[in-house]
Amino acid sequence: MVKKLFMIAALCAVTAPAFASDAARAAAKQVIELKDGSTLYVFKDGKMSMENKYGRSMRMKPGHVMETKDGQKIMMHGDEVMRLDSLLQEGHQGN
């Protein structure tokens, strides 16, 4: 019984970041997958924010160069950590 509960908890923990990013994906103009497993969100105003491979928003310095999965280079413009963090939290709350 304990093993079943542990398995359910583990599966929920793995799928939570996928649900959390739905609100962020809806708010972004463009979503770009990066080579290191991170996700770059480009908002309508041209500013960007980054989500690490674990589903958490992360701070990036403007001008930092990132590489997409297909090998293109993108330079960071803006650092909208709080915007993305609130969108990710919104996804966790189910709003």
PDB file of N, CA and C in Angstrom:
ATOM      1  N   MET A   1       0.813  -1.190   0.000  1.00  0.00           N
ATOM      2  CA  MET A   1       0.000   0.000   0.000  1.00  0.00           C
ATOM      3  C   MET A   1       0.859   1.258   0.000  1.00  0.00           C
ATOM      4  N   VAL A   2       1.903   1.248   0.813  1.00  0.00           N
ATOM      5  CA  VAL A   2       2.804   2.389   0.893  1.00  0.00           C
ATOM      6  C   VAL A   2       3.524   2.581  -0.446  1.00  0.00           C
ATOM      7  N   LYS A   3       3.877   1.471  -1.079  1.00  0.00           N
ATOM      8  CA  LYS A   3       4.560   1.559  -2.373  1.00  0.00           C
ATOM      9  C   LYS A   3       3.654   2.198  -3.421  1.00  0.00           C
ATOM     10  N   LYS A   4       2.377   1.871  -3.408  1.00  0.00           N
ATOM     11  CA  LYS A   4       1.432   2.450  -4.364  1.00  0.00           C
ATOM     12  C   LYS A   4       1.291   3.948  -4.146  1.00  0.00           C
ATOM     13  N   LEU A   5       1.193   4.367  -2.886  1.00  0.00           N
ATOM     14  CA  LEU A   5       1.094   5.796  -2.579  1.00  0.00           C
ATOM     15  C   LEU A   5       2.353   6.537  -3.012  1.00  0.00           C
ATOM     16  N   PHE A   6       3.499   5.913  -2.787  1.00  0.00           N
ATOM     17  CA  PHE A   6       4.758   6.523  -3.206  1.00  0.00           C
ATOM     18  C   PHE A   6       4.819   6.666  -4.727  1.00  0.00           C
ATOM     19  N   MET A   7       4.372   5.661  -5.445  1.00  0.00           N
ATOM     20  CA  MET A   7       4.360   5.717  -6.914  1.00  0.00           C
ATOM     21  C   MET A   7       3.444   6.832  -7.412  1.00  0.00           C
ATOM     22  N   ILE A   8       2.280   6.981  -6.809  1.00  0.00           N
ATOM     23  CA  ILE A   8       1.335   8.034  -7.197  1.00  0.00           C
ATOM     24  C   ILE A   8       1.946   9.403  -6.935  1.00  0.00           C
ATOM     25  N   ALA A   9       2.571   9.574  -5.782  1.00  0.00           N
ATOM     26  CA  ALA A   9       3.206  10.854  -5.444  1.00  0.00           C
ATOM     27  C   ALA A   9       4.336  11.169  -6.415  1.00  0.00           C
ATOM     28  N   ALA A  10       5.118  10.158  -6.774  1.00  0.00           N
ATOM     29  CA  ALA A  10       6.225  10.368  -7.704  1.00  0.00           C
ATOM     30  C   ALA A  10       5.712  10.761  -9.087  1.00  0.00           C
ATOM     31  N   LEU A  11       4.663  10.119  -9.554  1.00  0.00           N
ATOM     32  CA  LEU A  11       4.092  10.463 -10.859  1.00  0.00           C
ATOM     33  C   LEU A  11       3.517  11.873 -10.868  1.00  0.00           C
ATOM     34  N   CYS A  12       2.884  12.272  -9.776  1.00  0.00           N
ATOM     35  CA  CYS A  12       2.338  13.631  -9.685  1.00  0.00           C
ATOM     36  C   CYS A  12       3.451  14.662  -9.699  1.00  0.00           C
ATOM     37  N   ALA A  13       4.551  14.384  -9.036  1.00  0.00           N
ATOM     38  CA  ALA A  13       5.674  15.319  -8.997  1.00  0.00           C
ATOM     39  C   ALA A  13       6.301  15.491 -10.371  1.00  0.00           C
ATOM     40  N   VAL A  14       6.328  14.439 -11.161  1.00  0.00           N
ATOM     41  CA  VAL A  14       6.914  14.504 -12.496  1.00  0.00           C
ATOM     42  C   VAL A  14       6.023  15.273 -13.453  1.00  0.00           C
ATOM     43  N   THR A  15       4.720  15.124 -13.351  1.00  0.00           N
ATOM     44  CA  THR A  15       3.811  15.775 -14.290  1.00  0.00           C
ATOM     45  C   THR A  15       3.456  17.205 -13.897  1.00  0.00           C
ATOM     46  N   ALA A  16       3.716  17.637 -12.688  1.00  0.00           N
ATOM     47  CA  ALA A  16       3.353  18.991 -12.246  1.00  0.00           C
ATOM     48  C   ALA A  16       3.984  20.088 -13.093  1.00  0.00           C
ATOM     49  N   PRO A  17       5.281  20.022 -13.440  1.00  0.00           N
ATOM     50  CA  PRO A  17       5.849  21.089 -14.268  1.00  0.00           C
ATOM     51  C   PRO A  17       5.176  21.208 -15.642  1.00  0.00           C
ATOM     52  N   ALA A  18       4.684  20.121 -16.184  1.00  0.00           N
ATOM     53  CA  ALA A  18       4.016  20.187 -17.485  1.00  0.00           C
ATOM     54  C   ALA A  18       2.732  20.998 -17.400  1.00  0.00           C
ATOM     55  N   PHE A  19       1.961  20.832 -16.337  1.00  0.00           N
ATOM     56  CA  PHE A  19       0.737  21.604 -16.160  1.00  0.00           C
ATOM     57  C   PHE A  19       1.047  23.052 -15.832  1.00  0.00           C
ATOM     58  N   ALA A  20       2.116  23.273 -15.095  1.00  0.00           N
ATOM     59  CA  ALA A  20       2.461  24.623 -14.662  1.00  0.00           C
ATOM     60  C   ALA A  20       2.824  25.515 -15.840  1.00  0.00           C
ATOM     61  N   SER A  21       3.455  24.966 -16.846  1.00  0.00           N
ATOM     62  CA  SER A  21       3.905  25.801 -17.944  1.00  0.00           C
ATOM     63  C   SER A  21       2.793  26.123 -18.943  1.00  0.00           C
ATOM     64  N   ASP A  22       1.599  25.533 -18.794  1.00  0.00           N
ATOM     65  CA  ASP A  22       0.501  25.837 -19.713  1.00  0.00           C
ATOM     66  C   ASP A  22       0.124  27.311 -19.683  1.00  0.00           C
ATOM     67  N   ALA A  23       0.038  27.905 -18.498  1.00  0.00           N
ATOM     68  CA  ALA A  23      -0.301  29.327 -18.382  1.00  0.00           C
ATOM     69  C   ALA A  23       0.802  30.183 -18.988  1.00  0.00           C
ATOM     70  N   ALA A  24       2.042  29.795 -18.774  1.00  0.00           N
ATOM     71  CA  ALA A  24       3.168  30.543 -19.323  1.00  0.00           C
ATOM     72  C   ALA A  24       3.192  30.441 -20.852  1.00  0.00           C
ATOM     73  N   ARG A  25       2.913  29.262 -21.378  1.00  0.00           N
ATOM     74  CA  ARG A  25       2.895  29.086 -22.830  1.00  0.00           C
ATOM     75  C   ARG A  25       1.782  29.897 -23.478  1.00  0.00           C
ATOM     76  N   ALA A  26       0.656  30.034 -22.792  1.00  0.00           N
ATOM     77  CA  ALA A  26      -0.456  30.812 -23.326  1.00  0.00           C
ATOM     78  C   ALA A  26      -0.132  32.299 -23.335  1.00  0.00           C
ATOM     79  N   ALA A  27       0.626  32.769 -22.358  1.00  0.00           N
ATOM     80  CA  ALA A  27       0.945  34.194 -22.247  1.00  0.00           C
ATOM     81  C   ALA A  27       2.094  34.600 -23.174  1.00  0.00           C
ATOM     82  N   ALA A  28       2.923  33.656 -23.580  1.00  0.00           N
ATOM     83  CA  ALA A  28       4.091  33.973 -24.403  1.00  0.00           C
ATOM     84  C   ALA A  28       3.732  34.027 -25.884  1.00  0.00           C
ATOM     85  N   LYS A  29       4.439  34.899 -26.597  1.00  0.00           N
ATOM     86  CA  LYS A  29       4.279  34.983 -28.044  1.00  0.00           C
ATOM     87  C   LYS A  29       4.999  33.811 -28.715  1.00  0.00           C
ATOM     88  N   GLN A  30       6.147  33.436 -28.127  1.00  0.00           N
ATOM     89  CA  GLN A  30       6.947  32.367 -28.705  1.00  0.00           C
ATOM     90  C   GLN A  30       7.590  31.571 -27.573  1.00  0.00           C
ATOM     91  N   VAL A  31       7.632  30.252 -27.712  1.00  0.00           N
ATOM     92  CA  VAL A  31       8.270  29.365 -26.745  1.00  0.00           C
ATOM     93  C   VAL A  31       9.357  28.597 -27.481  1.00  0.00           C
ATOM     94  N   ILE A  32      10.587  28.670 -26.964  1.00  0.00           N
ATOM     95  CA  ILE A  32      11.731  28.065 -27.652  1.00  0.00           C
ATOM     96  C   ILE A  32      12.408  27.074 -26.714  1.00  0.00           C
ATOM     97  N   GLU A  33      12.567  25.850 -27.174  1.00  0.00           N
ATOM     98  CA  GLU A  33      13.269  24.819 -26.407  1.00  0.00           C
ATOM     99  C   GLU A  33      14.766  24.996 -26.614  1.00  0.00           C
ATOM    100  N   LEU A  34      15.530  24.969 -25.525  1.00  0.00           N
ATOM    101  CA  LEU A  34      16.977  25.161 -25.598  1.00  0.00           C
ATOM    102  C   LEU A  34      17.714  23.839 -25.474  1.00  0.00           C
ATOM    103  N   LYS A  35      18.967  23.864 -25.892  1.00  0.00           N
ATOM    104  CA  LYS A  35      19.785  22.664 -25.951  1.00  0.00           C
ATOM    105  C   LYS A  35      19.978  22.001 -24.586  1.00  0.00           C
ATOM    106  N   ASP A  36      20.053  22.796 -23.528  1.00  0.00           N
ATOM    107  CA  ASP A  36      20.293  22.251 -22.194  1.00  0.00           C
ATOM    108  C   ASP A  36      19.029  21.766 -21.495  1.00  0.00           C
ATOM    109  N   GLY A  37      17.881  21.772 -22.195  1.00  0.00           N
ATOM    110  CA  GLY A  37      16.630  21.313 -21.611  1.00  0.00           C
ATOM    111  C   GLY A  37      15.785  22.439 -21.042  1.00  0.00           C
ATOM    112  N   SER A  38      16.305  23.653 -21.042  1.00  0.00           N
ATOM    113  CA  SER A  38      15.559  24.817 -20.567  1.00  0.00           C
ATOM    114  C   SER A  38      14.581  25.268 -21.636  1.00  0.00           C
ATOM    115  N   THR A  39      13.664  26.157 -21.246  1.00  0.00           N
ATOM    116  CA  THR A  39      12.682  26.713 -22.170  1.00  0.00           C
ATOM    117  C   THR A  39      12.750  28.230 -22.087  1.00  0.00           C
ATOM    118  N   LEU A  40      12.799  28.878 -23.234  1.00  0.00           N
ATOM    119  CA  LEU A  40      12.839  30.333 -23.318  1.00  0.00           C
ATOM    120  C   LEU A  40      11.468  30.827 -23.738  1.00  0.00           C
ATOM    121  N   TYR A  41      10.917  31.782 -23.001  1.00  0.00           N
ATOM    122  CA  TYR A  41       9.622  32.381 -23.307  1.00  0.00           C
ATOM    123  C   TYR A  41       9.865  33.795 -23.813  1.00  0.00           C
ATOM    124  N   VAL A  42       9.335  34.107 -24.986  1.00  0.00           N
ATOM    125  CA  VAL A  42       9.412  35.450 -25.549  1.00  0.00           C
ATOM    126  C   VAL A  42       8.006  36.025 -25.473  1.00  0.00           C
ATOM    127  N   PHE A  43       7.855  37.127 -24.728  1.00  0.00           N
ATOM    128  CA  PHE A  43       6.549  37.740 -24.543  1.00  0.00           C
ATOM    129  C   PHE A  43       6.259  38.749 -25.656  1.00  0.00           C
ATOM    130  N   LYS A  44       5.032  39.211 -25.719  1.00  0.00           N
ATOM    131  CA  LYS A  44       4.592  40.109 -26.784  1.00  0.00           C
ATOM    132  C   LYS A  44       5.385  41.412 -26.837  1.00  0.00           C
ATOM    133  N   ASP A  45       5.896  41.870 -25.697  1.00  0.00           N
ATOM    134  CA  ASP A  45       6.673  43.110 -25.662  1.00  0.00           C
ATOM    135  C   ASP A  45       8.147  42.891 -26.017  1.00  0.00           C
ATOM    136  N   GLY A  46       8.530  41.669 -26.380  1.00  0.00           N
ATOM    137  CA  GLY A  46       9.891  41.364 -26.799  1.00  0.00           C
ATOM    138  C   GLY A  46      10.809  40.941 -25.669  1.00  0.00           C
ATOM    139  N   LYS A  47      10.365  41.066 -24.431  1.00  0.00           N
ATOM    140  CA  LYS A  47      11.189  40.658 -23.300  1.00  0.00           C
ATOM    141  C   LYS A  47      11.115  39.144 -23.147  1.00  0.00           C
ATOM    142  N   MET A  48      12.129  38.589 -22.503  1.00  0.00           N
ATOM    143  CA  MET A  48      12.251  37.142 -22.405  1.00  0.00           C
ATOM    144  C   MET A  48      12.371  36.684 -20.964  1.00  0.00           C
ATOM    145  N   SER A  49      12.059  35.419 -20.759  1.00  0.00           N
ATOM    146  CA  SER A  49      12.234  34.775 -19.472  1.00  0.00           C
ATOM    147  C   SER A  49      12.595  33.317 -19.725  1.00  0.00           C
ATOM    148  N   MET A  50      13.216  32.706 -18.745  1.00  0.00           N
ATOM    149  CA  MET A  50      13.705  31.352 -18.946  1.00  0.00           C
ATOM    150  C   MET A  50      13.243  30.433 -17.825  1.00  0.00           C
ATOM    151  N   GLU A  51      12.846  29.221 -18.211  1.00  0.00           N
ATOM    152  CA  GLU A  51      12.430  28.175 -17.271  1.00  0.00           C
ATOM    153  C   GLU A  51      13.451  27.053 -17.374  1.00  0.00           C
ATOM    154  N   ASN A  52      13.997  26.614 -16.231  1.00  0.00           N
ATOM    155  CA  ASN A  52      14.974  25.532 -16.298  1.00  0.00           C
ATOM    156  C   ASN A  52      14.288  24.195 -16.550  1.00  0.00           C
ATOM    157  N   LYS A  53      15.064  23.152 -16.710  1.00  0.00           N
ATOM    158  CA  LYS A  53      14.493  21.850 -17.066  1.00  0.00           C
ATOM    159  C   LYS A  53      13.656  21.241 -15.942  1.00  0.00           C
ATOM    160  N   TYR A  54      13.684  21.847 -14.752  1.00  0.00           N
ATOM    161  CA  TYR A  54      12.893  21.363 -13.626  1.00  0.00           C
ATOM    162  C   TYR A  54      11.599  22.154 -13.448  1.00  0.00           C
ATOM    163  N   GLY A  55      11.328  23.111 -14.333  1.00  0.00           N
ATOM    164  CA  GLY A  55      10.085  23.857 -14.288  1.00  0.00           C
ATOM    165  C   GLY A  55      10.106  25.102 -13.428  1.00  0.00           C
ATOM    166  N   ARG A  56      11.308  25.597 -13.100  1.00  0.00           N
ATOM    167  CA  ARG A  56      11.418  26.806 -12.273  1.00  0.00           C
ATOM    168  C   ARG A  56      11.964  27.958 -13.106  1.00  0.00           C
ATOM    169  N   SER A  57      11.446  29.158 -12.847  1.00  0.00           N
ATOM    170  CA  SER A  57      11.971  30.323 -13.552  1.00  0.00           C
ATOM    171  C   SER A  57      13.382  30.596 -13.045  1.00  0.00           C
ATOM    172  N   MET A  58      14.233  31.072 -13.936  1.00  0.00           N
ATOM    173  CA  MET A  58      15.614  31.337 -13.547  1.00  0.00           C
ATOM    174  C   MET A  58      16.079  32.677 -14.088  1.00  0.00           C
ATOM    175  N   ARG A  59      16.951  33.315 -13.356  1.00  0.00           N
ATOM    176  CA  ARG A  59      17.474  34.627 -13.715  1.00  0.00           C
ATOM    177  C   ARG A  59      18.576  34.487 -14.764  1.00  0.00           C
ATOM    178  N   MET A  60      18.505  35.340 -15.776  1.00  0.00           N
ATOM    179  CA  MET A  60      19.526  35.399 -16.828  1.00  0.00           C
ATOM    180  C   MET A  60      19.907  36.856 -17.027  1.00  0.00           C
ATOM    181  N   LYS A  61      21.169  37.108 -17.260  1.00  0.00           N
ATOM    182  CA  LYS A  61      21.615  38.469 -17.520  1.00  0.00           C
ATOM    183  C   LYS A  61      21.270  38.856 -18.952  1.00  0.00           C
ATOM    184  N   PRO A  62      20.789  40.090 -19.158  1.00  0.00           N
ATOM    185  CA  PRO A  62      20.544  40.545 -20.537  1.00  0.00           C
ATOM    186  C   PRO A  62      21.846  40.470 -21.343  1.00  0.00           C
ATOM    187  N   GLY A  63      21.745  39.978 -22.561  1.00  0.00           N
ATOM    188  CA  GLY A  63      22.912  39.814 -23.418  1.00  0.00           C
ATOM    189  C   GLY A  63      23.507  38.418 -23.380  1.00  0.00           C
ATOM    190  N   HIS A  64      23.046  37.574 -22.459  1.00  0.00           N
ATOM    191  CA  HIS A  64      23.527  36.192 -22.380  1.00  0.00           C
ATOM    192  C   HIS A  64      23.104  35.441 -23.648  1.00  0.00           C
ATOM    193  N   VAL A  65      24.020  34.704 -24.243  1.00  0.00           N
ATOM    194  CA  VAL A  65      23.731  33.962 -25.474  1.00  0.00           C
ATOM    195  C   VAL A  65      23.356  32.526 -25.127  1.00  0.00           C
ATOM    196  N   MET A  66      22.218  32.079 -25.684  1.00  0.00           N
ATOM    197  CA  MET A  66      21.721  30.723 -25.451  1.00  0.00           C
ATOM    198  C   MET A  66      21.658  29.989 -26.789  1.00  0.00           C
ATOM    199  N   GLU A  67      21.694  28.670 -26.728  1.00  0.00           N
ATOM    200  CA  GLU A  67      21.643  27.865 -27.955  1.00  0.00           C
ATOM    201  C   GLU A  67      20.365  27.024 -27.967  1.00  0.00           C
ATOM    202  N   THR A  68      19.640  27.087 -29.085  1.00  0.00           N
ATOM    203  CA  THR A  68      18.419  26.305 -29.238  1.00  0.00           C
ATOM    204  C   THR A  68      18.770  24.858 -29.573  1.00  0.00           C
ATOM    205  N   LYS A  69      17.762  23.991 -29.531  1.00  0.00           N
ATOM    206  CA  LYS A  69      17.989  22.574 -29.846  1.00  0.00           C
ATOM    207  C   LYS A  69      18.519  22.381 -31.262  1.00  0.00           C
ATOM    208  N   ASP A  70      18.111  23.265 -32.181  1.00  0.00           N
ATOM    209  CA  ASP A  70      18.562  23.129 -33.566  1.00  0.00           C
ATOM    210  C   ASP A  70      19.857  23.883 -33.849  1.00  0.00           C
ATOM    211  N   GLY A  71      20.516  24.420 -32.804  1.00  0.00           N
ATOM    212  CA  GLY A  71      21.831  25.028 -32.966  1.00  0.00           C
ATOM    213  C   GLY A  71      21.851  26.533 -33.181  1.00  0.00           C
ATOM    214  N   GLN A  72      20.708  27.185 -33.244  1.00  0.00           N
ATOM    215  CA  GLN A  72      20.688  28.642 -33.408  1.00  0.00           C
ATOM    216  C   GLN A  72      21.088  29.310 -32.103  1.00  0.00           C
ATOM    217  N   LYS A  73      21.666  30.504 -32.203  1.00  0.00           N
ATOM    218  CA  LYS A  73      22.054  31.287 -31.031  1.00  0.00           C
ATOM    219  C   LYS A  73      21.042  32.408 -30.829  1.00  0.00           C
ATOM    220  N   ILE A  74      20.630  32.620 -29.580  1.00  0.00           N
ATOM    221  CA  ILE A  74      19.678  33.674 -29.236  1.00  0.00           C
ATOM    222  C   ILE A  74      20.254  34.472 -28.075  1.00  0.00           C
ATOM    223  N   MET A  75      20.148  35.808 -28.166  1.00  0.00           N
ATOM    224  CA  MET A  75      20.629  36.667 -27.102  1.00  0.00           C
ATOM    225  C   MET A  75      19.461  37.062 -26.197  1.00  0.00           C
ATOM    226  N   MET A  76      19.677  37.011 -24.896  1.00  0.00           N
ATOM    227  CA  MET A  76      18.649  37.339 -23.912  1.00  0.00           C
ATOM    228  C   MET A  76      18.371  38.841 -23.908  1.00  0.00           C
ATOM    229  N   HIS A  77      17.087  39.208 -23.995  1.00  0.00           N
ATOM    230  CA  HIS A  77      16.642  40.599 -23.908  1.00  0.00           C
ATOM    231  C   HIS A  77      15.671  40.701 -22.744  1.00  0.00           C
ATOM    232  N   GLY A  78      16.029  41.498 -21.745  1.00  0.00           N
ATOM    233  CA  GLY A  78      15.180  41.617 -20.562  1.00  0.00           C
ATOM    234  C   GLY A  78      15.376  40.412 -19.666  1.00  0.00           C
ATOM    235  N   ASP A  79      14.757  40.459 -18.513  1.00  0.00           N
ATOM    236  CA  ASP A  79      14.835  39.341 -17.576  1.00  0.00           C
ATOM    237  C   ASP A  79      13.539  39.336 -16.773  1.00  0.00           C
ATOM    238  N   GLU A  80      12.529  38.712 -17.315  1.00  0.00           N
ATOM    239  CA  GLU A  80      11.192  38.731 -16.738  1.00  0.00           C
ATOM    240  C   GLU A  80      10.969  37.540 -15.801  1.00  0.00           C
ATOM    241  N   VAL A  81      11.819  37.416 -14.800  1.00  0.00           N
ATOM    242  CA  VAL A  81      11.732  36.299 -13.865  1.00  0.00           C
ATOM    243  C   VAL A  81      10.408  36.311 -13.107  1.00  0.00           C
ATOM    244  N   MET A  82      10.023  37.469 -12.606  1.00  0.00           N
ATOM    245  CA  MET A  82       8.796  37.543 -11.808  1.00  0.00           C
ATOM    246  C   MET A  82       7.554  37.297 -12.656  1.00  0.00           C
ATOM    247  N   ARG A  83       7.569  37.753 -13.901  1.00  0.00           N
ATOM    248  CA  ARG A  83       6.418  37.508 -14.783  1.00  0.00           C
ATOM    249  C   ARG A  83       6.242  36.013 -15.003  1.00  0.00           C
ATOM    250  N   LEU A  84       7.320  35.326 -15.331  1.00  0.00           N
ATOM    251  CA  LEU A  84       7.240  33.885 -15.564  1.00  0.00           C
ATOM    252  C   LEU A  84       6.921  33.143 -14.273  1.00  0.00           C
ATOM    253  N   ASP A  85       7.529  33.566 -13.168  1.00  0.00           N
ATOM    254  CA  ASP A  85       7.281  32.895 -11.901  1.00  0.00           C
ATOM    255  C   ASP A  85       5.801  32.966 -11.525  1.00  0.00           C
ATOM    256  N   SER A  86       5.177  34.128 -11.726  1.00  0.00           N
ATOM    257  CA  SER A  86       3.751  34.240 -11.398  1.00  0.00           C
ATOM    258  C   SER A  86       2.906  33.377 -12.335  1.00  0.00           C
ATOM    259  N   LEU A  87       3.292  33.272 -13.605  1.00  0.00           N
ATOM    260  CA  LEU A  87       2.568  32.406 -14.540  1.00  0.00           C
ATOM    261  C   LEU A  87       2.719  30.935 -14.174  1.00  0.00           C
ATOM    262  N   LEU A  88       3.910  30.549 -13.741  1.00  0.00           N
ATOM    263  CA  LEU A  88       4.128  29.164 -13.327  1.00  0.00           C
ATOM    264  C   LEU A  88       3.344  28.852 -12.060  1.00  0.00           C
ATOM    265  N   GLN A  89       3.302  29.791 -11.118  1.00  0.00           N
ATOM    266  CA  GLN A  89       2.521  29.603  -9.894  1.00  0.00           C
ATOM    267  C   GLN A  89       1.036  29.508 -10.219  1.00  0.00           C
ATOM    268  N   GLU A  90       0.582  30.323 -11.168  1.00  0.00           N
ATOM    269  CA  GLU A  90      -0.815  30.278 -11.603  1.00  0.00           C
ATOM    270  C   GLU A  90      -1.166  28.893 -12.133  1.00  0.00           C
ATOM    271  N   GLY A  91      -0.255  28.305 -12.878  1.00  0.00           N
ATOM    272  CA  GLY A  91      -0.471  26.959 -13.403  1.00  0.00           C
ATOM    273  C   GLY A  91      -0.561  25.920 -12.309  1.00  0.00           C
ATOM    274  N   HIS A  92       0.225  26.083 -11.239  1.00  0.00           N
ATOM    275  CA  HIS A  92       0.171  25.134 -10.125  1.00  0.00           C
ATOM    276  C   HIS A  92      -1.123  25.241  -9.345  1.00  0.00           C
ATOM    277  N   GLN A  93      -1.684  26.450  -9.267  1.00  0.00           N
ATOM    278  CA  GLN A  93      -2.910  26.647  -8.497  1.00  0.00           C
ATOM    279  C   GLN A  93      -4.146  26.231  -9.276  1.00  0.00           C
ATOM    280  N   GLY A  94      -3.988  26.003 -10.575  1.00  0.00           N
ATOM    281  CA  GLY A  94      -5.102  25.551 -11.383  1.00  0.00           C
ATOM    282  C   GLY A  94      -6.026  26.679 -11.843  1.00  0.00           C
ATOM    283  N   ASN A  95      -5.553  27.931 -11.793  1.00  0.00           N
ATOM    284  CA  ASN A  95      -6.378  29.075 -12.224  1.00  0.00           C
ATOM    285  C   ASN A  95      -6.367  29.215 -13.724  1.00  0.00           C
TER     286      ASN A  95
END
